[in-house]
Amino acid sequence: MDDSEKVKLDHQRNKSEIVNLVKEMFRLEKWGDEQFRVELLDLVTKDEKLVKDVIAQIKKEKGIE
């Protein structure tokens, strides 16, 4: 697996974690609960970094940067 595939896979896994957490929040009727809010914010912040990593890796492979 090359680097771009790895960072894309990490991004996909993180998106799945976000979806699962939101489903859990609704299932437990804990939407807005501080603990879940913090967890969700952490995952979203992580996802923003992963998206930047994916873009950087693709640019690197294409020789753009």
N, C-alpha and C. Protein backbone atom coordinates (compact mmCIF):
# COMPACT_ATOMS: atom_id res chain seq x y z
N MET A 1 0.86 -1.17 0.00
CA MET A 1 0.00 0.00 0.00
C MET A 1 0.90 1.23 0.00
N ASP A 2 0.66 2.12 -0.95
CA ASP A 2 1.49 3.33 -1.00
C ASP A 2 0.95 4.38 -0.03
N ASP A 3 1.71 5.46 0.11
CA ASP A 3 1.38 6.49 1.09
C ASP A 3 0.01 7.13 0.87
N SER A 4 -0.32 7.40 -0.39
CA SER A 4 -1.61 8.05 -0.64
C SER A 4 -2.77 7.13 -0.28
N GLU A 5 -2.62 5.84 -0.54
CA GLU A 5 -3.67 4.90 -0.17
C GLU A 5 -3.82 4.83 1.34
N LYS A 6 -2.70 4.89 2.06
CA LYS A 6 -2.74 4.82 3.51
C LYS A 6 -3.45 6.03 4.11
N VAL A 7 -3.12 7.24 3.64
CA VAL A 7 -3.76 8.43 4.19
C VAL A 7 -5.24 8.49 3.82
N LYS A 8 -5.58 8.02 2.62
CA LYS A 8 -6.99 7.96 2.23
C LYS A 8 -7.75 6.98 3.12
N LEU A 9 -7.14 5.84 3.40
CA LEU A 9 -7.77 4.84 4.27
C LEU A 9 -7.95 5.38 5.69
N ASP A 10 -6.95 6.08 6.20
CA ASP A 10 -7.06 6.71 7.53
C ASP A 10 -8.24 7.69 7.56
N HIS A 11 -8.37 8.46 6.50
CA HIS A 11 -9.47 9.43 6.39
C HIS A 11 -10.82 8.70 6.37
N GLN A 12 -10.93 7.62 5.61
CA GLN A 12 -12.17 6.85 5.55
C GLN A 12 -12.53 6.26 6.90
N ARG A 13 -11.54 5.74 7.61
CA ARG A 13 -11.79 5.18 8.94
C ARG A 13 -12.30 6.25 9.90
N ASN A 14 -11.68 7.41 9.84
CA ASN A 14 -12.09 8.50 10.73
C ASN A 14 -13.52 8.94 10.42
N LYS A 15 -13.86 9.02 9.14
CA LYS A 15 -15.24 9.38 8.78
C LYS A 15 -16.22 8.36 9.35
N SER A 16 -15.86 7.09 9.29
CA SER A 16 -16.72 6.05 9.85
C SER A 16 -16.88 6.22 11.35
N GLU A 17 -15.80 6.58 12.03
CA GLU A 17 -15.87 6.82 13.47
C GLU A 17 -16.81 7.98 13.79
N ILE A 18 -16.77 9.04 12.97
CA ILE A 18 -17.66 10.19 13.17
C ILE A 18 -19.11 9.75 13.02
N VAL A 19 -19.40 9.02 11.96
CA VAL A 19 -20.77 8.56 11.71
C VAL A 19 -21.24 7.67 12.85
N ASN A 20 -20.40 6.74 13.28
CA ASN A 20 -20.79 5.84 14.37
C ASN A 20 -21.04 6.60 15.67
N LEU A 21 -20.23 7.61 15.95
CA LEU A 21 -20.42 8.39 17.17
C LEU A 21 -21.74 9.16 17.12
N VAL A 22 -22.05 9.74 15.96
CA VAL A 22 -23.31 10.48 15.83
C VAL A 22 -24.49 9.52 15.99
N LYS A 23 -24.41 8.34 15.39
CA LYS A 23 -25.48 7.34 15.55
C LYS A 23 -25.66 6.97 17.02
N GLU A 24 -24.54 6.79 17.70
CA GLU A 24 -24.59 6.44 19.13
C GLU A 24 -25.23 7.56 19.95
N MET A 25 -24.90 8.80 19.61
CA MET A 25 -25.47 9.94 20.31
C MET A 25 -26.98 9.95 20.18
N PHE A 26 -27.47 9.70 18.96
CA PHE A 26 -28.91 9.68 18.75
C PHE A 26 -29.56 8.47 19.42
N ARG A 27 -28.90 7.32 19.34
CA ARG A 27 -29.44 6.11 19.94
C ARG A 27 -29.63 6.27 21.45
N LEU A 28 -28.65 6.90 22.09
CA LEU A 28 -28.70 7.11 23.53
C LEU A 28 -29.44 8.39 23.92
N GLU A 29 -29.92 9.11 22.90
CA GLU A 29 -30.57 10.40 23.11
C GLU A 29 -29.69 11.34 23.93
N LYS A 30 -28.43 11.37 23.54
CA LYS A 30 -27.44 12.21 24.24
C LYS A 30 -26.93 13.32 23.32
N TRP A 31 -27.73 13.70 22.32
CA TRP A 31 -27.29 14.76 21.43
C TRP A 31 -27.07 16.03 22.25
N GLY A 32 -25.90 16.60 22.13
CA GLY A 32 -25.58 17.80 22.89
C GLY A 32 -24.87 17.52 24.20
N ASP A 33 -24.75 16.23 24.58
CA ASP A 33 -24.03 15.85 25.79
C ASP A 33 -22.57 16.29 25.67
N GLU A 34 -22.04 16.89 26.71
CA GLU A 34 -20.69 17.47 26.66
C GLU A 34 -19.62 16.44 26.30
N GLN A 35 -19.70 15.25 26.88
CA GLN A 35 -18.69 14.22 26.59
C GLN A 35 -18.71 13.85 25.10
N PHE A 36 -19.91 13.65 24.55
CA PHE A 36 -20.01 13.31 23.14
C PHE A 36 -19.58 14.48 22.27
N ARG A 37 -19.90 15.70 22.69
CA ARG A 37 -19.53 16.89 21.92
C ARG A 37 -18.01 16.99 21.81
N VAL A 38 -17.32 16.75 22.91
CA VAL A 38 -15.85 16.81 22.93
C VAL A 38 -15.27 15.71 22.04
N GLU A 39 -15.83 14.50 22.14
CA GLU A 39 -15.36 13.39 21.31
C GLU A 39 -15.55 13.69 19.84
N LEU A 40 -16.72 14.22 19.51
CA LEU A 40 -17.03 14.55 18.12
C LEU A 40 -16.11 15.66 17.61
N LEU A 41 -15.88 16.66 18.42
CA LEU A 41 -14.99 17.75 18.03
C LEU A 41 -13.58 17.23 17.78
N ASP A 42 -13.11 16.31 18.61
CA ASP A 42 -11.78 15.71 18.42
C ASP A 42 -11.71 14.96 17.08
N LEU A 43 -12.75 14.20 16.77
CA LEU A 43 -12.76 13.46 15.52
C LEU A 43 -12.82 14.38 14.31
N VAL A 44 -13.59 15.44 14.40
CA VAL A 44 -13.69 16.40 13.30
C VAL A 44 -12.35 17.11 13.09
N THR A 45 -11.71 17.49 14.18
CA THR A 45 -10.39 18.13 14.09
C THR A 45 -9.38 17.17 13.46
N LYS A 46 -9.42 15.92 13.89
CA LYS A 46 -8.54 14.89 13.31
C LYS A 46 -8.82 14.75 11.83
N ASP A 47 -10.10 14.77 11.44
CA ASP A 47 -10.47 14.62 10.04
C ASP A 47 -9.95 15.77 9.20
N GLU A 48 -9.99 16.98 9.74
CA GLU A 48 -9.45 18.13 9.01
C GLU A 48 -7.97 17.93 8.72
N LYS A 49 -7.24 17.40 9.69
CA LYS A 49 -5.81 17.12 9.49
C LYS A 49 -5.62 16.02 8.46
N LEU A 50 -6.43 14.98 8.54
CA LEU A 50 -6.32 13.89 7.58
C LEU A 50 -6.60 14.36 6.16
N VAL A 51 -7.58 15.23 5.99
CA VAL A 51 -7.88 15.78 4.66
C VAL A 51 -6.68 16.55 4.13
N LYS A 52 -6.05 17.35 4.98
CA LYS A 52 -4.85 18.09 4.56
C LYS A 52 -3.74 17.12 4.17
N ASP A 53 -3.59 16.03 4.92
CA ASP A 53 -2.57 15.02 4.61
C ASP A 53 -2.85 14.36 3.25
N VAL A 54 -4.11 14.06 2.98
CA VAL A 54 -4.48 13.45 1.70
C VAL A 54 -4.14 14.40 0.56
N ILE A 55 -4.51 15.65 0.69
CA ILE A 55 -4.23 16.64 -0.35
C ILE A 55 -2.73 16.80 -0.56
N ALA A 56 -1.98 16.90 0.52
CA ALA A 56 -0.53 17.06 0.42
C ALA A 56 0.11 15.85 -0.26
N GLN A 57 -0.33 14.66 0.09
CA GLN A 57 0.24 13.45 -0.49
C GLN A 57 -0.06 13.37 -1.99
N ILE A 58 -1.27 13.70 -2.38
CA ILE A 58 -1.63 13.68 -3.81
C ILE A 58 -0.81 14.70 -4.58
N LYS A 59 -0.67 15.90 -4.02
CA LYS A 59 0.15 16.93 -4.67
C LYS A 59 1.60 16.46 -4.82
N LYS A 60 2.12 15.84 -3.78
CA LYS A 60 3.50 15.34 -3.79
C LYS A 60 3.67 14.30 -4.89
N GLU A 61 2.73 13.37 -4.98
CA GLU A 61 2.83 12.31 -5.99
C GLU A 61 2.70 12.86 -7.40
N LYS A 62 1.94 13.92 -7.59
CA LYS A 62 1.76 14.51 -8.91
C LYS A 62 2.83 15.55 -9.22
N GLY A 63 3.71 15.82 -8.25
CA GLY A 63 4.78 16.78 -8.47
C GLY A 63 4.32 18.22 -8.48
N ILE A 64 3.19 18.47 -7.85
CA ILE A 64 2.66 19.84 -7.80
C ILE A 64 3.39 20.66 -6.77
N GLU A 65 3.79 20.04 -5.68
CA GLU A 65 4.55 20.75 -4.64
C GLU A 65 5.74 19.96 -4.23
